[in-house]
Amino acid sequence: MQPTWQDVLEITEQYRHTKTEYWLSENVYTLSWWILLITSIGIFIVWIIILDKKRIFEIITYGFFVGTVAIYADVLGVWLDFWHYPITITPMHLPFEIHRLQMPIIYMVIYQYFKTWKTFLIAAAINAFIFAFPLESILVWLKVYEPIQWKHIYSLVPYFLIATVLRWIINKFKQLDKNYQ
C-alpha cells in the first residue's frame, strides 16, 4: 500500500508529540540543556558588546549567510541520518542555538577582527579545527550532538569553506555596491 499525504501528516503529528514529550522528560533542566542555554545567552551578550556598530549591516549579513548555510547543511545531515541532536533548548526539530546563534556569532567575530585575507584564513582554519574536534567532541559528551554516519574529520572542510566562501561573497557584494554608488 502506498503512503498517502494523510499518512505523512499523521506521522508528522506523532513525531512532534513524541519529540515534545521526550524534550520535556529528557532535555529541560538537564546539565546539557543549561549549558546550551547559558552559553547561547552569554555568547549573544558578549557579541552585542563587541560588535563593530559601524559595520553592523555587513557583519550581520555575513552572520545570516553563515546561519542559513549551516541550517541547510544541518537539515541535509539529519535527513541523511549522518547526525542527530538529542538535546536542544527547544523541542523544535533542529537546534536553533548552535546553527542560528552560536556558530554565526563566532564566525561574525572572526569576520570582524581578522580583516586581511591572510589573517582571516588562519583564523578560519583554527576555528574549523576547534569546531570539528574539541567542540564537536564536547557536544557528543554532553549528548547534544550524536554523529551516526559522520566523523569529526568530515566537518573540518565545511567549517572552513563556510567561513571563506561567504567572506568572498560578501566582498563581492561590497565591490558591487561601490560600483553602483
C-alpha atoms as a PDB file:
ATOM      1  CA  MET A   1       0.000   0.000   0.000  1.00  0.00           C
ATOM      2  CA  GLN A   2       1.338   3.426  -0.970  1.00  0.00           C
ATOM      3  CA  PRO A   3       1.634   6.037   1.783  1.00  0.00           C
ATOM      4  CA  THR A   4      -0.787   8.926   1.417  1.00  0.00           C
ATOM      5  CA  TRP A   5      -0.342  12.572   2.339  1.00  0.00           C
ATOM      6  CA  GLN A   6      -2.656  11.900   5.287  1.00  0.00           C
ATOM      7  CA  ASP A   7      -0.211   9.195   6.478  1.00  0.00           C
ATOM      8  CA  VAL A   8       2.627  11.721   6.315  1.00  0.00           C
ATOM      9  CA  LEU A   9       0.586  14.263   8.302  1.00  0.00           C
ATOM     10  CA  GLU A  10      -0.294  11.688  10.961  1.00  0.00           C
ATOM     11  CA  ILE A  11       3.330  10.570  11.330  1.00  0.00           C
ATOM     12  CA  THR A  12       4.448  14.207  11.480  1.00  0.00           C
ATOM     13  CA  GLU A  13       1.938  14.891  14.266  1.00  0.00           C
ATOM     14  CA  GLN A  14       3.034  11.753  16.120  1.00  0.00           C
ATOM     15  CA  TYR A  15       6.700  12.777  15.721  1.00  0.00           C
ATOM     16  CA  ARG A  16       6.030  16.283  17.041  1.00  0.00           C
ATOM     17  CA  HIS A  17       4.131  14.910  20.040  1.00  0.00           C
ATOM     18  CA  THR A  18       6.818  12.290  20.789  1.00  0.00           C
ATOM     19  CA  LYS A  19       9.634  14.820  20.368  1.00  0.00           C
ATOM     20  CA  THR A  20       7.902  17.270  22.721  1.00  0.00           C
ATOM     21  CA  GLU A  21       7.329  14.568  25.350  1.00  0.00           C
ATOM     22  CA  TYR A  22      10.940  13.425  25.040  1.00  0.00           C
ATOM     23  CA  TRP A  23      12.138  17.019  25.304  1.00  0.00           C
ATOM     24  CA  LEU A  24      10.057  17.675  28.430  1.00  0.00           C
ATOM     25  CA  SER A  25      11.187  14.486  30.162  1.00  0.00           C
ATOM     26  CA  GLU A  26      14.806  14.165  28.980  1.00  0.00           C
ATOM     27  CA  ASN A  27      16.047  17.651  27.976  1.00  0.00           C
ATOM     28  CA  VAL A  28      14.668  20.504  30.017  1.00  0.00           C
ATOM     29  CA  TYR A  29      16.772  21.453  33.046  1.00  0.00           C
ATOM     30  CA  THR A  30      19.477  18.840  32.420  1.00  0.00           C
ATOM     31  CA  LEU A  31      23.096  19.944  32.736  1.00  0.00           C
ATOM     32  CA  SER A  32      23.468  19.894  28.941  1.00  0.00           C
ATOM     33  CA  TRP A  33      20.313  21.975  28.474  1.00  0.00           C
ATOM     34  CA  TRP A  34      21.590  24.571  30.980  1.00  0.00           C
ATOM     35  CA  ILE A  35      24.995  24.683  29.291  1.00  0.00           C
ATOM     36  CA  LEU A  36      23.338  25.301  25.906  1.00  0.00           C
ATOM     37  CA  LEU A  37      21.095  27.989  27.340  1.00  0.00           C
ATOM     38  CA  ILE A  38      23.820  29.808  29.297  1.00  0.00           C
ATOM     39  CA  THR A  39      26.407  29.651  26.506  1.00  0.00           C
ATOM     40  CA  SER A  40      23.839  30.865  23.964  1.00  0.00           C
ATOM     41  CA  ILE A  41      22.850  33.836  26.101  1.00  0.00           C
ATOM     42  CA  GLY A  42      26.456  34.540  27.102  1.00  0.00           C
ATOM     43  CA  ILE A  43      27.815  34.454  23.558  1.00  0.00           C
ATOM     44  CA  PHE A  44      24.977  36.719  22.394  1.00  0.00           C
ATOM     45  CA  ILE A  45      25.616  39.295  25.160  1.00  0.00           C
ATOM     46  CA  VAL A  46      29.377  39.357  24.546  1.00  0.00           C
ATOM     47  CA  TRP A  47      28.780  39.708  20.804  1.00  0.00           C
ATOM     48  CA  ILE A  48      26.391  42.653  21.284  1.00  0.00           C
ATOM     49  CA  ILE A  49      29.057  44.369  23.398  1.00  0.00           C
ATOM     50  CA  ILE A  50      31.970  43.816  20.996  1.00  0.00           C
ATOM     51  CA  LEU A  51      30.065  44.209  17.714  1.00  0.00           C
ATOM     52  CA  ASP A  52      31.555  46.900  15.483  1.00  0.00           C
ATOM     53  CA  LYS A  53      28.447  49.083  15.151  1.00  0.00           C
ATOM     54  CA  LYS A  54      29.965  50.932  12.175  1.00  0.00           C
ATOM     55  CA  ARG A  55      29.967  47.694  10.157  1.00  0.00           C
ATOM     56  CA  ILE A  56      26.799  46.211  11.641  1.00  0.00           C
ATOM     57  CA  PHE A  57      24.954  45.590   8.356  1.00  0.00           C
ATOM     58  CA  GLU A  58      27.952  43.920   6.719  1.00  0.00           C
ATOM     59  CA  ILE A  59      28.764  41.756   9.747  1.00  0.00           C
ATOM     60  CA  ILE A  60      25.173  40.688  10.379  1.00  0.00           C
ATOM     61  CA  THR A  61      24.676  39.903   6.682  1.00  0.00           C
ATOM     62  CA  TYR A  62      27.712  37.631   6.866  1.00  0.00           C
ATOM     63  CA  GLY A  63      26.268  36.017  10.012  1.00  0.00           C
ATOM     64  CA  PHE A  64      22.886  35.437   8.348  1.00  0.00           C
ATOM     65  CA  PHE A  65      24.626  33.763   5.432  1.00  0.00           C
ATOM     66  CA  VAL A  66      26.607  31.548   7.820  1.00  0.00           C
ATOM     67  CA  GLY A  67      23.448  30.614   9.747  1.00  0.00           C
ATOM     68  CA  THR A  68      21.495  29.896   6.575  1.00  0.00           C
ATOM     69  CA  VAL A  69      24.173  27.663   5.074  1.00  0.00           C
ATOM     70  CA  ALA A  70      24.626  25.884   8.410  1.00  0.00           C
ATOM     71  CA  ILE A  71      20.893  25.240   8.766  1.00  0.00           C
ATOM     72  CA  TYR A  72      20.614  23.830   5.233  1.00  0.00           C
ATOM     73  CA  ALA A  73      23.653  21.616   5.823  1.00  0.00           C
ATOM     74  CA  ASP A  74      22.175  20.510   9.131  1.00  0.00           C
ATOM     75  CA  VAL A  75      18.799  19.681   7.615  1.00  0.00           C
ATOM     76  CA  LEU A  76      20.571  17.600   4.969  1.00  0.00           C
ATOM     77  CA  GLY A  77      22.771  15.857   7.561  1.00  0.00           C
ATOM     78  CA  VAL A  78      19.815  14.962   9.783  1.00  0.00           C
ATOM     79  CA  TRP A  79      17.737  13.902   6.772  1.00  0.00           C
ATOM     80  CA  LEU A  80      20.540  11.596   5.585  1.00  0.00           C
ATOM     81  CA  ASP A  81      20.932  10.238   9.124  1.00  0.00           C
ATOM     82  CA  PHE A  82      24.523  11.491   9.402  1.00  0.00           C
ATOM     83  CA  TRP A  83      23.854  13.006  12.830  1.00  0.00           C
ATOM     84  CA  HIS A  84      21.112  13.970  15.285  1.00  0.00           C
ATOM     85  CA  TYR A  85      20.591  16.343  18.197  1.00  0.00           C
ATOM     86  CA  PRO A  86      19.198  14.535  21.255  1.00  0.00           C
ATOM     87  CA  ILE A  87      19.310  17.625  23.491  1.00  0.00           C
ATOM     88  CA  THR A  88      18.123  21.057  22.391  1.00  0.00           C
ATOM     89  CA  ILE A  89      16.938  24.213  24.136  1.00  0.00           C
ATOM     90  CA  THR A  90      13.538  23.952  22.424  1.00  0.00           C
ATOM     91  CA  PRO A  91      11.643  20.884  21.187  1.00  0.00           C
ATOM     92  CA  MET A  92      11.950  22.009  17.570  1.00  0.00           C
ATOM     93  CA  HIS A  93      13.415  19.521  15.115  1.00  0.00           C
ATOM     94  CA  LEU A  94      16.787  21.245  14.736  1.00  0.00           C
ATOM     95  CA  PRO A  95      18.685  23.172  17.383  1.00  0.00           C
ATOM     96  CA  PHE A  96      18.465  26.890  16.743  1.00  0.00           C
ATOM     97  CA  GLU A  97      21.028  27.613  19.453  1.00  0.00           C
ATOM     98  CA  ILE A  98      24.018  26.138  17.646  1.00  0.00           C
ATOM     99  CA  HIS A  99      23.498  26.997  13.980  1.00  0.00           C
ATOM    100  CA  ARG A 100      21.296  30.064  14.265  1.00  0.00           C
ATOM    101  CA  LEU A 101      23.056  31.720  17.174  1.00  0.00           C
ATOM    102  CA  GLN A 102      26.378  30.394  18.430  1.00  0.00           C
ATOM    103  CA  MET A 103      28.065  29.416  15.163  1.00  0.00           C
ATOM    104  CA  PRO A 104      27.119  32.594  13.255  1.00  0.00           C
ATOM    105  CA  ILE A 105      28.247  34.769  16.180  1.00  0.00           C
ATOM    106  CA  ILE A 106      31.645  33.094  16.375  1.00  0.00           C
ATOM    107  CA  TYR A 107      32.040  33.405  12.602  1.00  0.00           C
ATOM    108  CA  MET A 108      30.978  37.074  12.751  1.00  0.00           C
ATOM    109  CA  VAL A 109      33.601  37.773  15.427  1.00  0.00           C
ATOM    110  CA  ILE A 110      36.269  36.224  13.204  1.00  0.00           C
ATOM    111  CA  TYR A 111      34.951  38.207  10.237  1.00  0.00           C
ATOM    112  CA  GLN A 112      35.019  41.420  12.271  1.00  0.00           C
ATOM    113  CA  TYR A 113      38.500  41.100  13.761  1.00  0.00           C
ATOM    114  CA  PHE A 114      40.501  39.415  11.002  1.00  0.00           C
ATOM    115  CA  LYS A 115      40.292  41.910   8.162  1.00  0.00           C
ATOM    116  CA  THR A 116      43.047  40.752   5.802  1.00  0.00           C
ATOM    117  CA  TRP A 117      42.682  37.542   3.851  1.00  0.00           C
ATOM    118  CA  LYS A 118      45.856  36.108   5.363  1.00  0.00           C
ATOM    119  CA  THR A 119      44.787  36.584   8.980  1.00  0.00           C
ATOM    120  CA  PHE A 120      41.199  35.590   8.169  1.00  0.00           C
ATOM    121  CA  LEU A 121      42.287  32.313   6.545  1.00  0.00           C
ATOM    122  CA  ILE A 122      44.450  31.447   9.543  1.00  0.00           C
ATOM    123  CA  ALA A 123      41.629  32.283  11.981  1.00  0.00           C
ATOM    124  CA  ALA A 124      39.091  30.357   9.863  1.00  0.00           C
ATOM    125  CA  ALA A 125      41.385  27.308   9.778  1.00  0.00           C
ATOM    126  CA  ILE A 126      41.895  27.402  13.554  1.00  0.00           C
ATOM    127  CA  ASN A 127      38.149  27.872  14.042  1.00  0.00           C
ATOM    128  CA  ALA A 128      37.352  24.937  11.735  1.00  0.00           C
ATOM    129  CA  PHE A 129      39.749  22.733  13.698  1.00  0.00           C
ATOM    130  CA  ILE A 130      38.261  23.805  17.057  1.00  0.00           C
ATOM    131  CA  PHE A 131      34.690  23.295  15.804  1.00  0.00           C
ATOM    132  CA  ALA A 132      35.436  19.908  14.211  1.00  0.00           C
ATOM    133  CA  PHE A 133      37.392  18.331  17.036  1.00  0.00           C
ATOM    134  CA  PRO A 134      37.202  19.769  20.564  1.00  0.00           C
ATOM    135  CA  LEU A 135      33.777  21.411  20.183  1.00  0.00           C
ATOM    136  CA  GLU A 136      32.036  18.520  18.431  1.00  0.00           C
ATOM    137  CA  SER A 137      33.607  16.124  20.962  1.00  0.00           C
ATOM    138  CA  ILE A 138      32.270  18.211  23.851  1.00  0.00           C
ATOM    139  CA  LEU A 139      28.821  18.279  22.230  1.00  0.00           C
ATOM    140  CA  VAL A 140      28.924  14.481  21.896  1.00  0.00           C
ATOM    141  CA  TRP A 141      29.945  14.164  25.557  1.00  0.00           C
ATOM    142  CA  LEU A 142      27.071  16.474  26.549  1.00  0.00           C
ATOM    143  CA  LYS A 143      24.733  14.348  24.380  1.00  0.00           C
ATOM    144  CA  VAL A 144      23.768  17.447  22.411  1.00  0.00           C
ATOM    145  CA  TYR A 145      25.186  16.081  19.155  1.00  0.00           C
ATOM    146  CA  GLU A 146      25.109  12.451  18.078  1.00  0.00           C
ATOM    147  CA  PRO A 147      27.079  11.541  14.956  1.00  0.00           C
ATOM    148  CA  ILE A 148      25.618   8.441  13.288  1.00  0.00           C
ATOM    149  CA  GLN A 149      27.400   8.130   9.953  1.00  0.00           C
ATOM    150  CA  TRP A 150      29.759  11.065  10.435  1.00  0.00           C
ATOM    151  CA  LYS A 151      33.271  11.560  11.743  1.00  0.00           C
ATOM    152  CA  HIS A 152      34.624  14.803  13.161  1.00  0.00           C
ATOM    153  CA  ILE A 153      37.268  14.974  10.430  1.00  0.00           C
ATOM    154  CA  TYR A 154      34.485  15.316   7.818  1.00  0.00           C
ATOM    155  CA  SER A 155      33.410  18.614   9.411  1.00  0.00           C
ATOM    156  CA  LEU A 156      36.794  20.300   9.025  1.00  0.00           C
ATOM    157  CA  VAL A 157      36.459  21.324   5.364  1.00  0.00           C
ATOM    158  CA  PRO A 158      32.808  22.502   5.524  1.00  0.00           C
ATOM    159  CA  TYR A 159      33.522  24.691   8.561  1.00  0.00           C
ATOM    160  CA  PHE A 160      36.443  26.282   6.723  1.00  0.00           C
ATOM    161  CA  LEU A 161      34.595  26.666   3.416  1.00  0.00           C
ATOM    162  CA  ILE A 162      31.563  28.282   5.040  1.00  0.00           C
ATOM    163  CA  ALA A 163      33.796  30.979   6.522  1.00  0.00           C
ATOM    164  CA  THR A 164      35.904  31.652   3.446  1.00  0.00           C
ATOM    165  CA  VAL A 165      33.384  31.321   0.616  1.00  0.00           C
ATOM    166  CA  LEU A 166      30.873  33.522   2.409  1.00  0.00           C
ATOM    167  CA  ARG A 167      33.533  36.144   3.107  1.00  0.00           C
ATOM    168  CA  TRP A 168      34.415  36.130  -0.574  1.00  0.00           C
ATOM    169  CA  ILE A 169      30.713  36.581  -1.465  1.00  0.00           C
ATOM    170  CA  ILE A 170      30.322  39.484   0.977  1.00  0.00           C
ATOM    171  CA  ASN A 171      33.438  41.117  -0.507  1.00  0.00           C
ATOM    172  CA  LYS A 172      31.941  40.764  -3.997  1.00  0.00           C
ATOM    173  CA  PHE A 173      28.698  42.367  -2.791  1.00  0.00           C
ATOM    174  CA  LYS A 174      30.681  45.242  -1.275  1.00  0.00           C
ATOM    175  CA  GLN A 175      32.517  45.759  -4.575  1.00  0.00           C
ATOM    176  CA  LEU A 176      29.220  45.771  -6.491  1.00  0.00           C
ATOM    177  CA  ASP A 177      27.770  48.227  -4.009  1.00  0.00           C
ATOM    178  CA  LYS A 178      30.708  50.611  -4.525  1.00  0.00           C
ATOM    179  CA  ASN A 179      30.363  50.319  -8.305  1.00  0.00           C
ATOM    180  CA  TYR A 180      26.721  51.407  -8.163  1.00  0.00           C
ATOM    181  CA  GLN A 181      27.135  54.394  -5.860  1.00  0.00           C
END
